Amino acid sequence: MRTSVLAALAVLSIASLSACSEKTQDSVENAGASIGNDISQSVDRAGDKIDNGLDEAGRTIDEGTDKIGAATSDATADAERKADAAKRDVGASLEEAGKDLKNE
């Protein structure tokens, strides 16, 4: 009788160890899935931050390019005005020189 009680206890111990092992496996599996999800979310957030940073850099470059374009247009218009004024000054000087030569 003792032997059968000990055998029954041994079977129960093995069964409880097996159940504990299954719980441990489930816990490890759940922990692994949780870690995987955390890593995936972190990578997604990092990707979003990089994407947003690149978008902002692109907007800044576009704004700078627009400002350079506007400054170039302004400089071109200013140079054209100065060239026209210089032509008029040269023309007026030549007219004066012509009048002076004619009067001499």
PDB file of N, CA and C in Angstrom:
ATOM      1  N   MET A   1       0.807  -1.185   0.000  1.00  0.00           N
ATOM      2  CA  MET A   1       0.000   0.000   0.000  1.00  0.00           C
ATOM      3  C   MET A   1       0.857   1.258   0.000  1.00  0.00           C
ATOM      4  N   ARG A   2       1.891   1.191   0.811  1.00  0.00           N
ATOM      5  CA  ARG A   2       2.799   2.331   0.819  1.00  0.00           C
ATOM      6  C   ARG A   2       3.382   2.583  -0.550  1.00  0.00           C
ATOM      7  N   THR A   3       3.713   1.546  -1.222  1.00  0.00           N
ATOM      8  CA  THR A   3       4.309   1.682  -2.536  1.00  0.00           C
ATOM      9  C   THR A   3       3.325   2.329  -3.501  1.00  0.00           C
ATOM     10  N   SER A   4       2.082   1.921  -3.443  1.00  0.00           N
ATOM     11  CA  SER A   4       1.111   2.504  -4.359  1.00  0.00           C
ATOM     12  C   SER A   4       0.831   3.964  -4.006  1.00  0.00           C
ATOM     13  N   VAL A   5       0.854   4.319  -2.724  1.00  0.00           N
ATOM     14  CA  VAL A   5       0.657   5.717  -2.329  1.00  0.00           C
ATOM     15  C   VAL A   5       1.844   6.543  -2.806  1.00  0.00           C
ATOM     16  N   LEU A   6       3.043   6.015  -2.627  1.00  0.00           N
ATOM     17  CA  LEU A   6       4.240   6.719  -3.100  1.00  0.00           C
ATOM     18  C   LEU A   6       4.227   6.851  -4.623  1.00  0.00           C
ATOM     19  N   ALA A   7       3.796   5.824  -5.293  1.00  0.00           N
ATOM     20  CA  ALA A   7       3.715   5.878  -6.749  1.00  0.00           C
ATOM     21  C   ALA A   7       2.686   6.920  -7.178  1.00  0.00           C
ATOM     22  N   ALA A   8       1.556   6.979  -6.475  1.00  0.00           N
ATOM     23  CA  ALA A   8       0.525   7.964  -6.803  1.00  0.00           C
ATOM     24  C   ALA A   8       1.050   9.375  -6.561  1.00  0.00           C
ATOM     25  N   LEU A   9       1.759   9.548  -5.447  1.00  0.00           N
ATOM     26  CA  LEU A   9       2.349  10.857  -5.162  1.00  0.00           C
ATOM     27  C   LEU A   9       3.385  11.232  -6.221  1.00  0.00           C
ATOM     28  N   ALA A  10       4.158  10.264  -6.654  1.00  0.00           N
ATOM     29  CA  ALA A  10       5.155  10.519  -7.698  1.00  0.00           C
ATOM     30  C   ALA A  10       4.469  10.934  -8.994  1.00  0.00           C
ATOM     31  N   VAL A  11       3.381  10.255  -9.331  1.00  0.00           N
ATOM     32  CA  VAL A  11       2.645  10.593 -10.553  1.00  0.00           C
ATOM     33  C   VAL A  11       2.061  12.004 -10.433  1.00  0.00           C
ATOM     34  N   LEU A  12       1.497  12.336  -9.273  1.00  0.00           N
ATOM     35  CA  LEU A  12       0.944  13.677  -9.058  1.00  0.00           C
ATOM     36  C   LEU A  12       2.042  14.743  -9.123  1.00  0.00           C
ATOM     37  N   SER A  13       3.205  14.430  -8.556  1.00  0.00           N
ATOM     38  CA  SER A  13       4.329  15.380  -8.597  1.00  0.00           C
ATOM     39  C   SER A  13       4.773  15.621 -10.028  1.00  0.00           C
ATOM     40  N   ILE A  14       4.879  14.560 -10.790  1.00  0.00           N
ATOM     41  CA  ILE A  14       5.290  14.688 -12.188  1.00  0.00           C
ATOM     42  C   ILE A  14       4.238  15.474 -12.970  1.00  0.00           C
ATOM     43  N   ALA A  15       2.976  15.206 -12.698  1.00  0.00           N
ATOM     44  CA  ALA A  15       1.901  15.918 -13.392  1.00  0.00           C
ATOM     45  C   ALA A  15       1.930  17.409 -13.045  1.00  0.00           C
ATOM     46  N   SER A  16       2.170  17.720 -11.753  1.00  0.00           N
ATOM     47  CA  SER A  16       2.206  19.135 -11.374  1.00  0.00           C
ATOM     48  C   SER A  16       3.440  19.816 -11.951  1.00  0.00           C
ATOM     49  N   LEU A  17       4.567  19.105 -12.033  1.00  0.00           N
ATOM     50  CA  LEU A  17       5.761  19.663 -12.667  1.00  0.00           C
ATOM     51  C   LEU A  17       5.512  19.900 -14.147  1.00  0.00           C
ATOM     52  N   SER A  18       4.809  18.973 -14.769  1.00  0.00           N
ATOM     53  CA  SER A  18       4.486  19.125 -16.178  1.00  0.00           C
ATOM     54  C   SER A  18       3.583  20.342 -16.377  1.00  0.00           C
ATOM     55  N   ALA A  19       2.592  20.504 -15.500  1.00  0.00           N
ATOM     56  CA  ALA A  19       1.705  21.662 -15.597  1.00  0.00           C
ATOM     57  C   ALA A  19       2.487  22.946 -15.349  1.00  0.00           C
ATOM     58  N   CYS A  20       3.387  22.906 -14.383  1.00  0.00           N
ATOM     59  CA  CYS A  20       4.222  24.074 -14.104  1.00  0.00           C
ATOM     60  C   CYS A  20       5.079  24.394 -15.316  1.00  0.00           C
ATOM     61  N   SER A  21       5.591  23.362 -15.942  1.00  0.00           N
ATOM     62  CA  SER A  21       6.416  23.554 -17.122  1.00  0.00           C
ATOM     63  C   SER A  21       5.597  24.189 -18.245  1.00  0.00           C
ATOM     64  N   GLU A  22       4.342  23.777 -18.399  1.00  0.00           N
ATOM     65  CA  GLU A  22       3.487  24.377 -19.422  1.00  0.00           C
ATOM     66  C   GLU A  22       3.223  25.849 -19.109  1.00  0.00           C
ATOM     67  N   LYS A  23       2.997  26.141 -17.810  1.00  0.00           N
ATOM     68  CA  LYS A  23       2.791  27.537 -17.417  1.00  0.00           C
ATOM     69  C   LYS A  23       4.046  28.355 -17.704  1.00  0.00           C
ATOM     70  N   THR A  24       5.183  27.750 -17.411  1.00  0.00           N
ATOM     71  CA  THR A  24       6.448  28.445 -17.674  1.00  0.00           C
ATOM     72  C   THR A  24       6.609  28.687 -19.165  1.00  0.00           C
ATOM     73  N   GLN A  25       6.289  27.677 -19.955  1.00  0.00           N
ATOM     74  CA  GLN A  25       6.376  27.839 -21.405  1.00  0.00           C
ATOM     75  C   GLN A  25       5.437  28.940 -21.881  1.00  0.00           C
ATOM     76  N   ASP A  26       4.217  28.939 -21.357  1.00  0.00           N
ATOM     77  CA  ASP A  26       3.258  29.983 -21.736  1.00  0.00           C
ATOM     78  C   ASP A  26       3.773  31.364 -21.333  1.00  0.00           C
ATOM     79  N   SER A  27       4.328  31.449 -20.133  1.00  0.00           N
ATOM     80  CA  SER A  27       4.857  32.734 -19.664  1.00  0.00           C
ATOM     81  C   SER A  27       6.006  33.207 -20.534  1.00  0.00           C
ATOM     82  N   VAL A  28       6.897  32.280 -20.860  1.00  0.00           N
ATOM     83  CA  VAL A  28       8.031  32.634 -21.715  1.00  0.00           C
ATOM     84  C   VAL A  28       7.535  33.052 -23.097  1.00  0.00           C
ATOM     85  N   GLU A  29       6.566  32.325 -23.617  1.00  0.00           N
ATOM     86  CA  GLU A  29       6.007  32.654 -24.933  1.00  0.00           C
ATOM     87  C   GLU A  29       5.347  34.032 -24.912  1.00  0.00           C
ATOM     88  N   ASN A  30       4.569  34.297 -23.863  1.00  0.00           N
ATOM     89  CA  ASN A  30       3.914  35.605 -23.743  1.00  0.00           C
ATOM     90  C   ASN A  30       4.938  36.726 -23.584  1.00  0.00           C
ATOM     91  N   ALA A  31       5.975  36.462 -22.795  1.00  0.00           N
ATOM     92  CA  ALA A  31       7.022  37.473 -22.616  1.00  0.00           C
ATOM     93  C   ALA A  31       7.727  37.741 -23.941  1.00  0.00           C
ATOM     94  N   GLY A  32       8.007  36.684 -24.683  1.00  0.00           N
ATOM     95  CA  GLY A  32       8.649  36.849 -25.992  1.00  0.00           C
ATOM     96  C   GLY A  32       7.779  37.645 -26.947  1.00  0.00           C
ATOM     97  N   ALA A  33       6.492  37.360 -26.954  1.00  0.00           N
ATOM     98  CA  ALA A  33       5.572  38.100 -27.827  1.00  0.00           C
ATOM     99  C   ALA A  33       5.507  39.568 -27.409  1.00  0.00           C
ATOM    100  N   SER A  34       5.488  39.801 -26.104  1.00  0.00           N
ATOM    101  CA  SER A  34       5.446  41.176 -25.600  1.00  0.00           C
ATOM    102  C   SER A  34       6.712  41.942 -25.975  1.00  0.00           C
ATOM    103  N   ILE A  35       7.853  41.288 -25.832  1.00  0.00           N
ATOM    104  CA  ILE A  35       9.127  41.918 -26.210  1.00  0.00           C
ATOM    105  C   ILE A  35       9.135  42.220 -27.706  1.00  0.00           C
ATOM    106  N   GLY A  36       8.671  41.276 -28.499  1.00  0.00           N
ATOM    107  CA  GLY A  36       8.602  41.487 -29.948  1.00  0.00           C
ATOM    108  C   GLY A  36       7.703  42.658 -30.305  1.00  0.00           C
ATOM    109  N   ASN A  37       6.554  42.753 -29.643  1.00  0.00           N
ATOM    110  CA  ASN A  37       5.639  43.875 -29.900  1.00  0.00           C
ATOM    111  C   ASN A  37       6.269  45.205 -29.501  1.00  0.00           C
ATOM    112  N   ASP A  38       6.948  45.214 -28.338  1.00  0.00           N
ATOM    113  CA  ASP A  38       7.605  46.449 -27.884  1.00  0.00           C
ATOM    114  C   ASP A  38       8.671  46.894 -28.869  1.00  0.00           C
ATOM    115  N   ILE A  39       9.461  45.950 -29.339  1.00  0.00           N
ATOM    116  CA  ILE A  39      10.524  46.281 -30.298  1.00  0.00           C
ATOM    117  C   ILE A  39       9.908  46.801 -31.595  1.00  0.00           C
ATOM    118  N   SER A  40       8.865  46.147 -32.051  1.00  0.00           N
ATOM    119  CA  SER A  40       8.202  46.571 -33.286  1.00  0.00           C
ATOM    120  C   SER A  40       7.646  47.983 -33.152  1.00  0.00           C
ATOM    121  N   GLN A  41       7.013  48.269 -32.025  1.00  0.00           N
ATOM    122  CA  GLN A  41       6.464  49.610 -31.805  1.00  0.00           C
ATOM    123  C   GLN A  41       7.575  50.650 -31.715  1.00  0.00           C
ATOM    124  N   SER A  42       8.672  50.292 -31.050  1.00  0.00           N
ATOM    125  CA  SER A  42       9.798  51.229 -30.939  1.00  0.00           C
ATOM    126  C   SER A  42      10.398  51.525 -32.306  1.00  0.00           C
ATOM    127  N   VAL A  43      10.541  50.506 -33.119  1.00  0.00           N
ATOM    128  CA  VAL A  43      11.080  50.697 -34.470  1.00  0.00           C
ATOM    129  C   VAL A  43      10.129  51.564 -35.297  1.00  0.00           C
ATOM    130  N   ASP A  44       8.827  51.315 -35.168  1.00  0.00           N
ATOM    131  CA  ASP A  44       7.843  52.132 -35.896  1.00  0.00           C
ATOM    132  C   ASP A  44       7.914  53.597 -35.469  1.00  0.00           C
ATOM    133  N   ARG A  45       8.014  53.826 -34.149  1.00  0.00           N
ATOM    134  CA  ARG A  45       8.104  55.215 -33.659  1.00  0.00           C
ATOM    135  C   ARG A  45       9.387  55.873 -34.138  1.00  0.00           C
ATOM    136  N   ALA A  46      10.489  55.131 -34.114  1.00  0.00           N
ATOM    137  CA  ALA A  46      11.756  55.692 -34.595  1.00  0.00           C
ATOM    138  C   ALA A  46      11.656  56.021 -36.085  1.00  0.00           C
ATOM    139  N   GLY A  47      11.043  55.136 -36.847  1.00  0.00           N
ATOM    140  CA  GLY A  47      10.851  55.390 -38.278  1.00  0.00           C
ATOM    141  C   GLY A  47       9.998  56.620 -38.519  1.00  0.00           C
ATOM    142  N   ASP A  48       8.943  56.777 -37.710  1.00  0.00           N
ATOM    143  CA  ASP A  48       8.088  57.966 -37.843  1.00  0.00           C
ATOM    144  C   ASP A  48       8.865  59.238 -37.527  1.00  0.00           C
ATOM    145  N   LYS A  49       9.687  59.195 -36.475  1.00  0.00           N
ATOM    146  CA  LYS A  49      10.481  60.377 -36.116  1.00  0.00           C
ATOM    147  C   LYS A  49      11.474  60.721 -37.217  1.00  0.00           C
ATOM    148  N   ILE A  50      12.105  59.711 -37.787  1.00  0.00           N
ATOM    149  CA  ILE A  50      13.049  59.954 -38.889  1.00  0.00           C
ATOM    150  C   ILE A  50      12.306  60.545 -40.084  1.00  0.00           C
ATOM    151  N   ASP A  51      11.160  59.973 -40.406  1.00  0.00           N
ATOM    152  CA  ASP A  51      10.365  60.462 -41.539  1.00  0.00           C
ATOM    153  C   ASP A  51       9.935  61.911 -41.321  1.00  0.00           C
ATOM    154  N   ASN A  52       9.470  62.217 -40.106  1.00  0.00           N
ATOM    155  CA  ASN A  52       9.062  63.593 -39.801  1.00  0.00           C
ATOM    156  C   ASN A  52      10.250  64.547 -39.877  1.00  0.00           C
ATOM    157  N   GLY A  53      11.406  64.106 -39.396  1.00  0.00           N
ATOM    158  CA  GLY A  53      12.605  64.943 -39.472  1.00  0.00           C
ATOM    159  C   GLY A  53      13.014  65.214 -40.910  1.00  0.00           C
ATOM    160  N   LEU A  54      12.928  64.199 -41.747  1.00  0.00           N
ATOM    161  CA  LEU A  54      13.268  64.387 -43.159  1.00  0.00           C
ATOM    162  C   LEU A  54      12.264  65.304 -43.853  1.00  0.00           C
ATOM    163  N   ASP A  55      10.983  65.170 -43.491  1.00  0.00           N
ATOM    164  CA  ASP A  55       9.967  66.071 -44.057  1.00  0.00           C
ATOM    165  C   ASP A  55      10.258  67.519 -43.673  1.00  0.00           C
ATOM    166  N   GLU A  56      10.604  67.731 -42.403  1.00  0.00           N
ATOM    167  CA  GLU A  56      10.904  69.089 -41.944  1.00  0.00           C
ATOM    168  C   GLU A  56      12.150  69.637 -42.644  1.00  0.00           C
ATOM    169  N   ALA A  57      13.164  68.790 -42.801  1.00  0.00           N
ATOM    170  CA  ALA A  57      14.371  69.227 -43.512  1.00  0.00           C
ATOM    171  C   ALA A  57      14.035  69.594 -44.957  1.00  0.00           C
ATOM    172  N   GLY A  58      13.186  68.815 -45.594  1.00  0.00           N
ATOM    173  CA  GLY A  58      12.770  69.109 -46.970  1.00  0.00           C
ATOM    174  C   GLY A  58      12.036  70.438 -47.066  1.00  0.00           C
ATOM    175  N   ARG A  59      11.145  70.689 -46.089  1.00  0.00           N
ATOM    176  CA  ARG A  59      10.423  71.974 -46.092  1.00  0.00           C
ATOM    177  C   ARG A  59      11.391  73.139 -45.896  1.00  0.00           C
ATOM    178  N   THR A  60      12.350  72.962 -45.005  1.00  0.00           N
ATOM    179  CA  THR A  60      13.333  74.021 -44.757  1.00  0.00           C
ATOM    180  C   THR A  60      14.161  74.292 -46.003  1.00  0.00           C
ATOM    181  N   ILE A  61      14.561  73.237 -46.692  1.00  0.00           N
ATOM    182  CA  ILE A  61      15.328  73.402 -47.934  1.00  0.00           C
ATOM    183  C   ILE A  61      14.483  74.118 -48.985  1.00  0.00           C
ATOM    184  N   ASP A  62      13.211  73.721 -49.100  1.00  0.00           N
ATOM    185  CA  ASP A  62      12.317  74.386 -50.063  1.00  0.00           C
ATOM    186  C   ASP A  62      12.167  75.873 -49.749  1.00  0.00           C
ATOM    187  N   GLU A  63      11.991  76.188 -48.465  1.00  0.00           N
ATOM    188  CA  GLU A  63      11.851  77.598 -48.075  1.00  0.00           C
ATOM    189  C   GLU A  63      13.129  78.368 -48.396  1.00  0.00           C
ATOM    190  N   GLY A  64      14.277  77.749 -48.108  1.00  0.00           N
ATOM    191  CA  GLY A  64      15.553  78.404 -48.419  1.00  0.00           C
ATOM    192  C   GLY A  64      15.725  78.616 -49.910  1.00  0.00           C
ATOM    193  N   THR A  65      15.336  77.625 -50.686  1.00  0.00           N
ATOM    194  CA  THR A  65      15.424  77.743 -52.143  1.00  0.00           C
ATOM    195  C   THR A  65      14.515  78.861 -52.649  1.00  0.00           C
ATOM    196  N   ASP A  66      13.312  78.945 -52.075  1.00  0.00           N
ATOM    197  CA  ASP A  66      12.394  80.027 -52.467  1.00  0.00           C
ATOM    198  C   ASP A  66      12.990  81.395 -52.141  1.00  0.00           C
ATOM    199  N   LYS A  67      13.602  81.506 -50.964  1.00  0.00           N
ATOM    200  CA  LYS A  67      14.214  82.784 -50.574  1.00  0.00           C
ATOM    201  C   LYS A  67      15.376  83.142 -51.495  1.00  0.00           C
ATOM    202  N   ILE A  68      16.177  82.135 -51.851  1.00  0.00           N
ATOM    203  CA  ILE A  68      17.296  82.383 -52.775  1.00  0.00           C
ATOM    204  C   ILE A  68      16.753  82.819 -54.133  1.00  0.00           C
ATOM    205  N   GLY A  69      15.697  82.149 -54.595  1.00  0.00           N
ATOM    206  CA  GLY A  69      15.087  82.524 -55.875  1.00  0.00           C
ATOM    207  C   GLY A  69      14.563  83.947 -55.850  1.00  0.00           C
ATOM    208  N   ALA A  70      13.907  84.318 -54.746  1.00  0.00           N
ATOM    209  CA  ALA A  70      13.381  85.685 -54.633  1.00  0.00           C
ATOM    210  C   ALA A  70      14.525  86.694 -54.580  1.00  0.00           C
ATOM    211  N   ALA A  71      15.577  86.365 -53.829  1.00  0.00           N
ATOM    212  CA  ALA A  71      16.724  87.278 -53.737  1.00  0.00           C
ATOM    213  C   ALA A  71      17.408  87.420 -55.090  1.00  0.00           C
ATOM    214  N   THR A  72      17.507  86.321 -55.827  1.00  0.00           N
ATOM    215  CA  THR A  72      18.118  86.368 -57.158  1.00  0.00           C
ATOM    216  C   THR A  72      17.282  87.232 -58.098  1.00  0.00           C
ATOM    217  N   SER A  73      15.968  87.075 -58.034  1.00  0.00           N
ATOM    218  CA  SER A  73      15.087  87.899 -58.877  1.00  0.00           C
ATOM    219  C   SER A  73      15.222  89.370 -58.518  1.00  0.00           C
ATOM    220  N   ASP A  74      15.277  89.656 -57.213  1.00  0.00           N
ATOM    221  CA  ASP A  74      15.441  91.047 -56.775  1.00  0.00           C
ATOM    222  C   ASP A  74      16.781  91.605 -57.239  1.00  0.00           C
ATOM    223  N   ALA A  75      17.835  90.799 -57.120  1.00  0.00           N
ATOM    224  CA  ALA A  75      19.166  91.254 -57.539  1.00  0.00           C
ATOM    225  C   ALA A  75      19.208  91.489 -59.043  1.00  0.00           C
ATOM    226  N   THR A  76      18.554  90.619 -59.802  1.00  0.00           N
ATOM    227  CA  THR A  76      18.510  90.782 -61.257  1.00  0.00           C
ATOM    228  C   THR A  76      17.774  92.064 -61.631  1.00  0.00           C
ATOM    229  N   ALA A  77      16.636  92.289 -60.999  1.00  0.00           N
ATOM    230  CA  ALA A  77      15.862  93.509 -61.284  1.00  0.00           C
ATOM    231  C   ALA A  77      16.667  94.750 -60.906  1.00  0.00           C
ATOM    232  N   ASP A  78      17.357  94.698 -59.772  1.00  0.00           N
ATOM    233  CA  ASP A  78      18.181  95.832 -59.338  1.00  0.00           C
ATOM    234  C   ASP A  78      19.326  96.072 -60.314  1.00  0.00           C
ATOM    235  N   ALA A  79      19.967  94.994 -60.766  1.00  0.00           N
ATOM    236  CA  ALA A  79      21.065  95.133 -61.739  1.00  0.00           C
ATOM    237  C   ALA A  79      20.555  95.724 -63.048  1.00  0.00           C
ATOM    238  N   GLU A  80      19.365  95.301 -63.481  1.00  0.00           N
ATOM    239  CA  GLU A  80      18.793  95.850 -64.717  1.00  0.00           C
ATOM    240  C   GLU A  80      18.489  97.341 -64.566  1.00  0.00           C
ATOM    241  N   ARG A  81      17.961  97.737 -63.410  1.00  0.00           N
ATOM    242  CA  ARG A  81      17.694  99.167 -63.167  1.00  0.00           C
ATOM    243  C   ARG A  81      18.991  99.971 -63.187  1.00  0.00           C
ATOM    244  N   LYS A  82      20.021  99.440 -62.548  1.00  0.00           N
ATOM    245  CA  LYS A  82      21.308 100.147 -62.514  1.00  0.00           C
ATOM    246  C   LYS A  82      21.939 100.213 -63.900  1.00  0.00           C
ATOM    247  N   ALA A  83      21.794  99.153 -64.685  1.00  0.00           N
ATOM    248  CA  ALA A  83      22.333  99.155 -66.049  1.00  0.00           C
ATOM    249  C   ALA A  83      21.596 100.194 -66.898  1.00  0.00           C
ATOM    250  N   ASP A  84      20.277 100.264 -66.756  1.00  0.00           N
ATOM    251  CA  ASP A  84      19.504 101.278 -67.489  1.00  0.00           C
ATOM    252  C   ASP A  84      19.929 102.685 -67.077  1.00  0.00           C
ATOM    253  N   ALA A  85      20.119 102.895 -65.790  1.00  0.00           N
ATOM    254  CA  ALA A  85      20.547 104.216 -65.306  1.00  0.00           C
ATOM    255  C   ALA A  85      21.935 104.555 -65.841  1.00  0.00           C
ATOM    256  N   ALA A  86      22.820 103.546 -65.855  1.00  0.00           N
ATOM    257  CA  ALA A  86      24.176 103.782 -66.375  1.00  0.00           C
ATOM    258  C   ALA A  86      24.128 104.116 -67.861  1.00  0.00           C
ATOM    259  N   LYS A  87      23.265 103.433 -68.626  1.00  0.00           N
ATOM    260  CA  LYS A  87      23.125 103.736 -70.062  1.00  0.00           C
ATOM    261  C   LYS A  87      22.635 105.172 -70.255  1.00  0.00           C
ATOM    262  N   ARG A  88      21.651 105.564 -69.452  1.00  0.00           N
ATOM    263  CA  ARG A  88      21.145 106.934 -69.565  1.00  0.00           C
ATOM    264  C   ARG A  88      22.238 107.946 -69.215  1.00  0.00           C
ATOM    265  N   ASP A  89      23.016 107.633 -68.163  1.00  0.00           N
ATOM    266  CA  ASP A  89      24.105 108.541 -67.777  1.00  0.00           C
ATOM    267  C   ASP A  89      25.147 108.655 -68.881  1.00  0.00           C
ATOM    268  N   VAL A  90      25.501 107.514 -69.474  1.00  0.00           N
ATOM    269  CA  VAL A  90      26.485 107.524 -70.572  1.00  0.00           C
ATOM    270  C   VAL A  90      25.909 108.294 -71.757  1.00  0.00           C
ATOM    271  N   GLY A  91      24.643 108.039 -72.071  1.00  0.00           N
ATOM    272  CA  GLY A  91      23.990 108.752 -73.181  1.00  0.00           C
ATOM    273  C   GLY A  91      23.970 110.249 -72.940  1.00  0.00           C
ATOM    274  N   ALA A  92      23.633 110.650 -71.717  1.00  0.00           N
ATOM    275  CA  ALA A  92      23.599 112.080 -71.392  1.00  0.00           C
ATOM    276  C   ALA A  92      24.996 112.685 -71.478  1.00  0.00           C
ATOM    277  N   SER A  93      25.982 111.934 -71.004  1.00  0.00           N
ATOM    278  CA  SER A  93      27.369 112.433 -71.074  1.00  0.00           C
ATOM    279  C   SER A  93      27.819 112.581 -72.512  1.00  0.00           C
ATOM    280  N   LEU A  94      27.450 111.630 -73.366  1.00  0.00           N
ATOM    281  CA  LEU A  94      27.825 111.714 -74.782  1.00  0.00           C
ATOM    282  C   LEU A  94      27.119 112.888 -75.457  1.00  0.00           C
ATOM    283  N   GLU A  95      25.859 113.116 -75.098  1.00  0.00           N
ATOM    284  CA  GLU A  95      25.146 114.269 -75.656  1.00  0.00           C
ATOM    285  C   GLU A  95      25.834 115.573 -75.249  1.00  0.00           C
ATOM    286  N   GLU A  96      26.205 115.662 -73.995  1.00  0.00           N
ATOM    287  CA  GLU A  96      26.899 116.860 -73.516  1.00  0.00           C
ATOM    288  C   GLU A  96      28.228 117.043 -74.239  1.00  0.00           C
ATOM    289  N   ALA A  97      28.948 115.927 -74.405  1.00  0.00           N
ATOM    290  CA  ALA A  97      30.238 116.006 -75.104  1.00  0.00           C
ATOM    291  C   ALA A  97      30.020 116.445 -76.550  1.00  0.00           C
ATOM    292  N   GLY A  98      28.969 115.923 -77.177  1.00  0.00           N
ATOM    293  CA  GLY A  98      28.653 116.317 -78.556  1.00  0.00           C
ATOM    294  C   GLY A  98      28.303 117.790 -78.638  1.00  0.00           C
ATOM    295  N   LYS A  99      27.532 118.295 -77.708  1.00  0.00           N
ATOM    296  CA  LYS A  99      27.175 119.718 -77.688  1.00  0.00           C
ATOM    297  C   LYS A  99      28.416 120.587 -77.484  1.00  0.00           C
ATOM    298  N   ASP A 100      29.281 120.128 -76.569  1.00  0.00           N
ATOM    299  CA  ASP A 100      30.513 120.884 -76.314  1.00  0.00           C
ATOM    300  C   ASP A 100      31.377 120.937 -77.565  1.00  0.00           C
ATOM    301  N   LEU A 101      31.476 119.827 -78.278  1.00  0.00           N
ATOM    302  CA  LEU A 101      32.281 119.799 -79.504  1.00  0.00           C
ATOM    303  C   LEU A 101      31.655 120.701 -80.571  1.00  0.00           C
ATOM    304  N   LYS A 102      30.360 120.703 -80.646  1.00  0.00           N
ATOM    305  CA  LYS A 102      29.656 121.501 -81.639  1.00  0.00           C
ATOM    306  C   LYS A 102      29.826 122.999 -81.342  1.00  0.00           C
ATOM    307  N   ASN A 103      29.839 123.359 -80.109  1.00  0.00           N
ATOM    308  CA  ASN A 103      29.940 124.756 -79.710  1.00  0.00           C
ATOM    309  C   ASN A 103      31.367 125.270 -79.792  1.00  0.00           C
ATOM    310  N   GLU A 104      32.306 124.468 -79.871  1.00  0.00           N
ATOM    311  CA  GLU A 104      33.693 124.935 -79.922  1.00  0.00           C
ATOM    312  C   GLU A 104      34.064 125.397 -81.251  1.00  0.00           C
TER     313      GLU A 104
END
